Amino acid sequence: MATEKKYAEESLKTKRAREKLKKQFNELETRITPEALKEKTVEIHRWIARHAHHRVVLKNKNISLFDENQNAAKLSQRISGIAKGLESDIKSWTASLEKPSMEAIGKIMTAKKSEPTSN
C-alpha cells in the first residue's frame, strides 16, 4: 500500500513565484541556441586575444600545485595582529604560571581554608 504524503496547498504568492520562475527558465532555454553558443565562443576568443599581453608565458617556469609551503603566502595585517595578540597572551599566561601573583596565592589559600576537613 503506497501512502501519499499530504502537503498544505500552495499559497497564491508561491504559485505566482513558481510560474514566474518557470517563465524565466523557459525564456533562457529559448535563448540558448547553437548560434548563440557560437557567438559567445567568438566573444570569449576575442576577449582572450585582447588581454593576451597580460598573460605570463609558463613554458620556462616550473609550476607545482603544492610545494609543501616552501613559498608560503604573506600573512595579512589582520592575521599578523591576531598572531601578535596570541603571542603576548601566551607569554603573560606562562609568566603567570611561573610566578603566581599575590592575588592568585590568596585565592588558593582561601580555597584551601574553606575546604571541609575529613577525619
C-alpha atoms as a PDB file:
ATOM      1  CA  MET A   1       0.000   0.000   0.000  1.00  0.00           C
ATOM      2  CA  ALA A   2       1.509   3.256  -1.069  1.00  0.00           C
ATOM      3  CA  THR A   3       0.674   6.148   1.159  1.00  0.00           C
ATOM      4  CA  GLU A   4       0.793   9.586  -0.330  1.00  0.00           C
ATOM      5  CA  LYS A   5       2.027  12.450   1.782  1.00  0.00           C
ATOM      6  CA  LYS A   6      -0.412  15.282   2.002  1.00  0.00           C
ATOM      7  CA  TYR A   7       1.056  18.743   1.909  1.00  0.00           C
ATOM      8  CA  ALA A   8      -0.537  22.068   2.580  1.00  0.00           C
ATOM      9  CA  GLU A   9      -1.850  23.790  -0.506  1.00  0.00           C
ATOM     10  CA  GLU A  10       0.489  26.382  -2.010  1.00  0.00           C
ATOM     11  CA  SER A  11      -0.375  29.964  -1.369  1.00  0.00           C
ATOM     12  CA  LEU A  12      -1.271  32.256  -4.235  1.00  0.00           C
ATOM     13  CA  LYS A  13       2.022  34.117  -3.749  1.00  0.00           C
ATOM     14  CA  THR A  14       4.019  30.876  -4.023  1.00  0.00           C
ATOM     15  CA  LYS A  15       2.127  29.819  -7.151  1.00  0.00           C
ATOM     16  CA  ARG A  16       2.826  33.173  -8.795  1.00  0.00           C
ATOM     17  CA  ALA A  17       6.523  32.976  -7.886  1.00  0.00           C
ATOM     18  CA  ARG A  18       6.713  29.412  -9.279  1.00  0.00           C
ATOM     19  CA  GLU A  19       5.063  30.466 -12.549  1.00  0.00           C
ATOM     20  CA  LYS A  20       7.358  33.494 -12.832  1.00  0.00           C
ATOM     21  CA  LEU A  21      10.449  31.284 -12.392  1.00  0.00           C
ATOM     22  CA  LYS A  22       9.164  28.745 -14.923  1.00  0.00           C
ATOM     23  CA  LYS A  23       8.608  31.554 -17.424  1.00  0.00           C
ATOM     24  CA  GLN A  24      12.134  32.927 -16.844  1.00  0.00           C
ATOM     25  CA  PHE A  25      13.700  29.462 -17.275  1.00  0.00           C
ATOM     26  CA  ASN A  26      11.753  28.861 -20.476  1.00  0.00           C
ATOM     27  CA  GLU A  27      12.905  32.219 -21.866  1.00  0.00           C
ATOM     28  CA  LEU A  28      16.516  31.355 -21.026  1.00  0.00           C
ATOM     29  CA  GLU A  29      16.208  27.956 -22.696  1.00  0.00           C
ATOM     30  CA  THR A  30      14.922  29.546 -25.890  1.00  0.00           C
ATOM     31  CA  ARG A  31      17.901  31.925 -25.946  1.00  0.00           C
ATOM     32  CA  ILE A  32      20.430  29.069 -25.755  1.00  0.00           C
ATOM     33  CA  THR A  33      20.790  28.088 -29.372  1.00  0.00           C
ATOM     34  CA  PRO A  34      23.726  26.747 -31.389  1.00  0.00           C
ATOM     35  CA  GLU A  35      24.096  30.182 -32.988  1.00  0.00           C
ATOM     36  CA  ALA A  36      24.146  31.903 -29.603  1.00  0.00           C
ATOM     37  CA  LEU A  37      26.786  29.449 -28.367  1.00  0.00           C
ATOM     38  CA  LYS A  38      28.944  30.129 -31.418  1.00  0.00           C
ATOM     39  CA  GLU A  39      28.625  33.878 -30.882  1.00  0.00           C
ATOM     40  CA  LYS A  40      29.620  33.535 -27.232  1.00  0.00           C
ATOM     41  CA  THR A  41      32.596  31.362 -28.206  1.00  0.00           C
ATOM     42  CA  VAL A  42      33.808  34.020 -30.636  1.00  0.00           C
ATOM     43  CA  GLU A  43      33.297  36.686 -27.969  1.00  0.00           C
ATOM     44  CA  ILE A  44      35.382  34.700 -25.457  1.00  0.00           C
ATOM     45  CA  HIS A  45      38.164  34.154 -28.007  1.00  0.00           C
ATOM     46  CA  ARG A  46      38.230  37.874 -28.778  1.00  0.00           C
ATOM     47  CA  TRP A  47      38.429  38.692 -25.056  1.00  0.00           C
ATOM     48  CA  ILE A  48      41.353  36.276 -24.638  1.00  0.00           C
ATOM     49  CA  ALA A  49      43.143  37.800 -27.638  1.00  0.00           C
ATOM     50  CA  ARG A  50      42.501  41.336 -26.383  1.00  0.00           C
ATOM     51  CA  HIS A  51      44.046  40.512 -22.988  1.00  0.00           C
ATOM     52  CA  ALA A  52      46.925  38.373 -24.315  1.00  0.00           C
ATOM     53  CA  HIS A  53      49.521  40.985 -23.354  1.00  0.00           C
ATOM     54  CA  HIS A  54      48.687  40.352 -19.662  1.00  0.00           C
ATOM     55  CA  ARG A  55      49.393  36.636 -19.919  1.00  0.00           C
ATOM     56  CA  VAL A  56      52.540  35.121 -18.446  1.00  0.00           C
ATOM     57  CA  VAL A  57      54.494  32.604 -20.524  1.00  0.00           C
ATOM     58  CA  LEU A  58      54.744  29.434 -18.483  1.00  0.00           C
ATOM     59  CA  LYS A  59      56.863  27.288 -20.785  1.00  0.00           C
ATOM     60  CA  ASN A  60      60.055  28.161 -18.910  1.00  0.00           C
ATOM     61  CA  LYS A  61      58.558  28.096 -15.413  1.00  0.00           C
ATOM     62  CA  ASN A  62      58.216  25.120 -13.135  1.00  0.00           C
ATOM     63  CA  ILE A  63      54.795  25.071 -11.505  1.00  0.00           C
ATOM     64  CA  SER A  64      53.520  22.565  -8.998  1.00  0.00           C
ATOM     65  CA  LEU A  65      50.186  22.508  -7.249  1.00  0.00           C
ATOM     66  CA  PHE A  66      51.629  22.028  -3.775  1.00  0.00           C
ATOM     67  CA  ASP A  67      55.158  22.985  -2.842  1.00  0.00           C
ATOM     68  CA  GLU A  68      54.971  21.937   0.830  1.00  0.00           C
ATOM     69  CA  ASN A  69      54.759  25.592   1.871  1.00  0.00           C
ATOM     70  CA  GLN A  70      58.197  26.448   0.562  1.00  0.00           C
ATOM     71  CA  ASN A  71      56.676  29.600  -0.893  1.00  0.00           C
ATOM     72  CA  ALA A  72      54.004  30.396   1.649  1.00  0.00           C
ATOM     73  CA  ALA A  73      51.842  33.460   1.153  1.00  0.00           C
ATOM     74  CA  LYS A  74      52.477  36.518   3.280  1.00  0.00           C
ATOM     75  CA  LEU A  75      50.254  36.964   6.319  1.00  0.00           C
ATOM     76  CA  SER A  76      47.629  39.664   6.144  1.00  0.00           C
ATOM     77  CA  GLN A  77      47.781  42.561   8.609  1.00  0.00           C
ATOM     78  CA  ARG A  78      44.707  41.251  10.396  1.00  0.00           C
ATOM     79  CA  ILE A  79      46.182  37.768  10.869  1.00  0.00           C
ATOM     80  CA  SER A  80      49.539  39.239  11.924  1.00  0.00           C
ATOM     81  CA  GLY A  81      47.745  41.315  14.565  1.00  0.00           C
ATOM     82  CA  ILE A  82      45.879  38.286  15.855  1.00  0.00           C
ATOM     83  CA  ALA A  83      49.116  36.271  15.982  1.00  0.00           C
ATOM     84  CA  LYS A  84      50.897  39.030  17.936  1.00  0.00           C
ATOM     85  CA  GLY A  85      47.985  39.249  20.366  1.00  0.00           C
ATOM     86  CA  LEU A  86      48.025  35.493  20.909  1.00  0.00           C
ATOM     87  CA  GLU A  87      51.780  35.530  21.371  1.00  0.00           C
ATOM     88  CA  SER A  88      51.563  38.210  24.055  1.00  0.00           C
ATOM     89  CA  ASP A  89      48.658  36.354  25.734  1.00  0.00           C
ATOM     90  CA  ILE A  90      50.706  33.154  25.808  1.00  0.00           C
ATOM     91  CA  LYS A  91      53.731  34.987  27.243  1.00  0.00           C
ATOM     92  CA  SER A  92      51.650  36.575  30.009  1.00  0.00           C
ATOM     93  CA  TRP A  93      49.904  33.273  30.709  1.00  0.00           C
ATOM     94  CA  THR A  94      53.178  31.332  31.006  1.00  0.00           C
ATOM     95  CA  ALA A  95      54.640  34.104  33.148  1.00  0.00           C
ATOM     96  CA  SER A  96      51.655  33.902  35.487  1.00  0.00           C
ATOM     97  CA  LEU A  97      52.150  30.141  35.750  1.00  0.00           C
ATOM     98  CA  GLU A  98      55.801  30.563  36.609  1.00  0.00           C
ATOM     99  CA  LYS A  99      55.268  33.340  39.166  1.00  0.00           C
ATOM    100  CA  PRO A 100      51.797  33.328  40.655  1.00  0.00           C
ATOM    101  CA  SER A 101      50.605  36.738  41.773  1.00  0.00           C
ATOM    102  CA  MET A 102      49.769  37.539  45.360  1.00  0.00           C
ATOM    103  CA  GLU A 103      46.115  37.675  44.402  1.00  0.00           C
ATOM    104  CA  ALA A 104      46.277  34.149  42.943  1.00  0.00           C
ATOM    105  CA  ILE A 105      48.066  32.870  46.042  1.00  0.00           C
ATOM    106  CA  GLY A 106      45.408  34.493  48.230  1.00  0.00           C
ATOM    107  CA  LYS A 107      42.625  32.785  46.264  1.00  0.00           C
ATOM    108  CA  ILE A 108      44.344  29.426  46.624  1.00  0.00           C
ATOM    109  CA  MET A 109      44.802  29.914  50.365  1.00  0.00           C
ATOM    110  CA  THR A 110      41.162  30.921  50.930  1.00  0.00           C
ATOM    111  CA  ALA A 111      40.018  27.971  48.847  1.00  0.00           C
ATOM    112  CA  LYS A 112      42.097  25.597  50.990  1.00  0.00           C
ATOM    113  CA  LYS A 113      40.762  27.142  54.197  1.00  0.00           C
ATOM    114  CA  SER A 114      37.167  26.755  53.073  1.00  0.00           C
ATOM    115  CA  GLU A 115      37.581  23.065  52.124  1.00  0.00           C
ATOM    116  CA  PRO A 116      35.972  20.737  54.704  1.00  0.00           C
ATOM    117  CA  THR A 117      38.401  18.529  56.518  1.00  0.00           C
ATOM    118  CA  SER A 118      37.529  14.854  56.728  1.00  0.00           C
ATOM    119  CA  ASN A 119      38.631  12.815  59.782  1.00  0.00           C
END
